[in-house]
Amino acid sequence: MSLQQGTDDISTYYTKLKSIWEELSGYKPTLPCTCGSLQQLQTHIESEYVMSFLMGLNDSFSQI
């Protein structure tokens, strides 16, 4: 998935991404887990979201 900030302000850009992430999560059901792997998976997914957000920022934020 690739979404760029473009002319949107940070808040609008984040809101668009969050909406997409929420929709996508509806297509990926989580199975019951008692081993603790679900927390690791959630942490990995959140890291992916952060990377997607940062990679889509305008070049003016390249120092982040």
C-alpha atoms as a PDB file:
ATOM      1  CA  MET A   1       0.000   0.000   0.000  1.00  0.00           C
ATOM      2  CA  SER A   2       1.343   3.412  -0.882  1.00  0.00           C
ATOM      3  CA  LEU A   3      -0.301   6.707  -0.010  1.00  0.00           C
ATOM      4  CA  GLN A   4       1.550   9.987  -0.256  1.00  0.00           C
ATOM      5  CA  GLN A   5       0.884  13.102   1.789  1.00  0.00           C
ATOM      6  CA  GLY A   6       0.734  15.324  -1.278  1.00  0.00           C
ATOM      7  CA  THR A   7      -0.888  18.655  -0.414  1.00  0.00           C
ATOM      8  CA  ASP A   8      -2.655  17.285   2.678  1.00  0.00           C
ATOM      9  CA  ASP A   9      -1.646  18.492   6.105  1.00  0.00           C
ATOM     10  CA  ILE A  10      -0.294  15.875   8.520  1.00  0.00           C
ATOM     11  CA  SER A  11      -3.633  15.393  10.259  1.00  0.00           C
ATOM     12  CA  THR A  12      -5.553  14.784   7.030  1.00  0.00           C
ATOM     13  CA  TYR A  13      -2.862  12.457   5.699  1.00  0.00           C
ATOM     14  CA  TYR A  14      -2.868  10.424   8.938  1.00  0.00           C
ATOM     15  CA  THR A  15      -6.675  10.266   8.978  1.00  0.00           C
ATOM     16  CA  LYS A  16      -6.710   8.870   5.429  1.00  0.00           C
ATOM     17  CA  LEU A  17      -4.107   6.246   6.315  1.00  0.00           C
ATOM     18  CA  LYS A  18      -5.903   5.280   9.518  1.00  0.00           C
ATOM     19  CA  SER A  19      -9.136   4.815   7.594  1.00  0.00           C
ATOM     20  CA  ILE A  20      -7.394   2.491   5.131  1.00  0.00           C
ATOM     21  CA  TRP A  21      -5.709   0.539   7.948  1.00  0.00           C
ATOM     22  CA  GLU A  22      -9.025   0.064   9.741  1.00  0.00           C
ATOM     23  CA  GLU A  23     -10.697  -1.156   6.564  1.00  0.00           C
ATOM     24  CA  LEU A  24      -7.854  -3.567   5.827  1.00  0.00           C
ATOM     25  CA  SER A  25      -7.935  -4.961   9.365  1.00  0.00           C
ATOM     26  CA  GLY A  26     -11.527  -6.042   8.734  1.00  0.00           C
ATOM     27  CA  TYR A  27     -10.229  -8.372   6.026  1.00  0.00           C
ATOM     28  CA  LYS A  28      -7.637  -9.963   8.324  1.00  0.00           C
ATOM     29  CA  PRO A  29      -9.491 -11.703  11.136  1.00  0.00           C
ATOM     30  CA  THR A  30      -7.421 -12.704  14.149  1.00  0.00           C
ATOM     31  CA  LEU A  31      -7.698 -16.185  15.514  1.00  0.00           C
ATOM     32  CA  PRO A  32      -7.846 -16.921  19.238  1.00  0.00           C
ATOM     33  CA  CYS A  33      -4.376 -17.317  20.710  1.00  0.00           C
ATOM     34  CA  THR A  34      -3.107 -18.221  24.159  1.00  0.00           C
ATOM     35  CA  CYS A  35       0.618 -18.367  23.368  1.00  0.00           C
ATOM     36  CA  GLY A  36       1.289 -14.616  23.224  1.00  0.00           C
ATOM     37  CA  SER A  37       2.001 -14.512  19.497  1.00  0.00           C
ATOM     38  CA  LEU A  38      -0.976 -12.274  18.856  1.00  0.00           C
ATOM     39  CA  GLN A  39       0.699  -9.432  20.772  1.00  0.00           C
ATOM     40  CA  GLN A  40       3.870  -9.898  18.726  1.00  0.00           C
ATOM     41  CA  LEU A  41       1.830  -9.805  15.529  1.00  0.00           C
ATOM     42  CA  GLN A  42       0.053  -6.616  16.625  1.00  0.00           C
ATOM     43  CA  THR A  43       3.392  -4.972  17.442  1.00  0.00           C
ATOM     44  CA  HIS A  44       4.702  -5.918  13.984  1.00  0.00           C
ATOM     45  CA  ILE A  45       1.590  -4.539  12.271  1.00  0.00           C
ATOM     46  CA  GLU A  46       1.877  -1.261  14.186  1.00  0.00           C
ATOM     47  CA  SER A  47       5.528  -0.965  13.122  1.00  0.00           C
ATOM     48  CA  GLU A  48       4.449  -1.438   9.509  1.00  0.00           C
ATOM     49  CA  TYR A  49       1.879   1.348   9.937  1.00  0.00           C
ATOM     50  CA  VAL A  50       4.522   3.717  11.304  1.00  0.00           C
ATOM     51  CA  MET A  51       6.827   2.959   8.372  1.00  0.00           C
ATOM     52  CA  SER A  52       3.990   3.503   5.871  1.00  0.00           C
ATOM     53  CA  PHE A  53       3.178   6.842   7.490  1.00  0.00           C
ATOM     54  CA  LEU A  54       6.790   8.036   7.509  1.00  0.00           C
ATOM     55  CA  MET A  55       7.516   6.891   3.955  1.00  0.00           C
ATOM     56  CA  GLY A  56       4.506   8.791   2.626  1.00  0.00           C
ATOM     57  CA  LEU A  57       5.471  12.127   4.166  1.00  0.00           C
ATOM     58  CA  ASN A  58       6.560  14.979   1.926  1.00  0.00           C
ATOM     59  CA  ASP A  59      10.278  15.600   1.441  1.00  0.00           C
ATOM     60  CA  SER A  60      10.103  18.559   3.827  1.00  0.00           C
ATOM     61  CA  PHE A  61       9.974  15.946   6.603  1.00  0.00           C
ATOM     62  CA  SER A  62      13.044  14.069   5.360  1.00  0.00           C
ATOM     63  CA  GLN A  63      14.977  14.862   8.545  1.00  0.00           C
ATOM     64  CA  ILE A  64      12.670  12.652  10.637  1.00  0.00           C
END
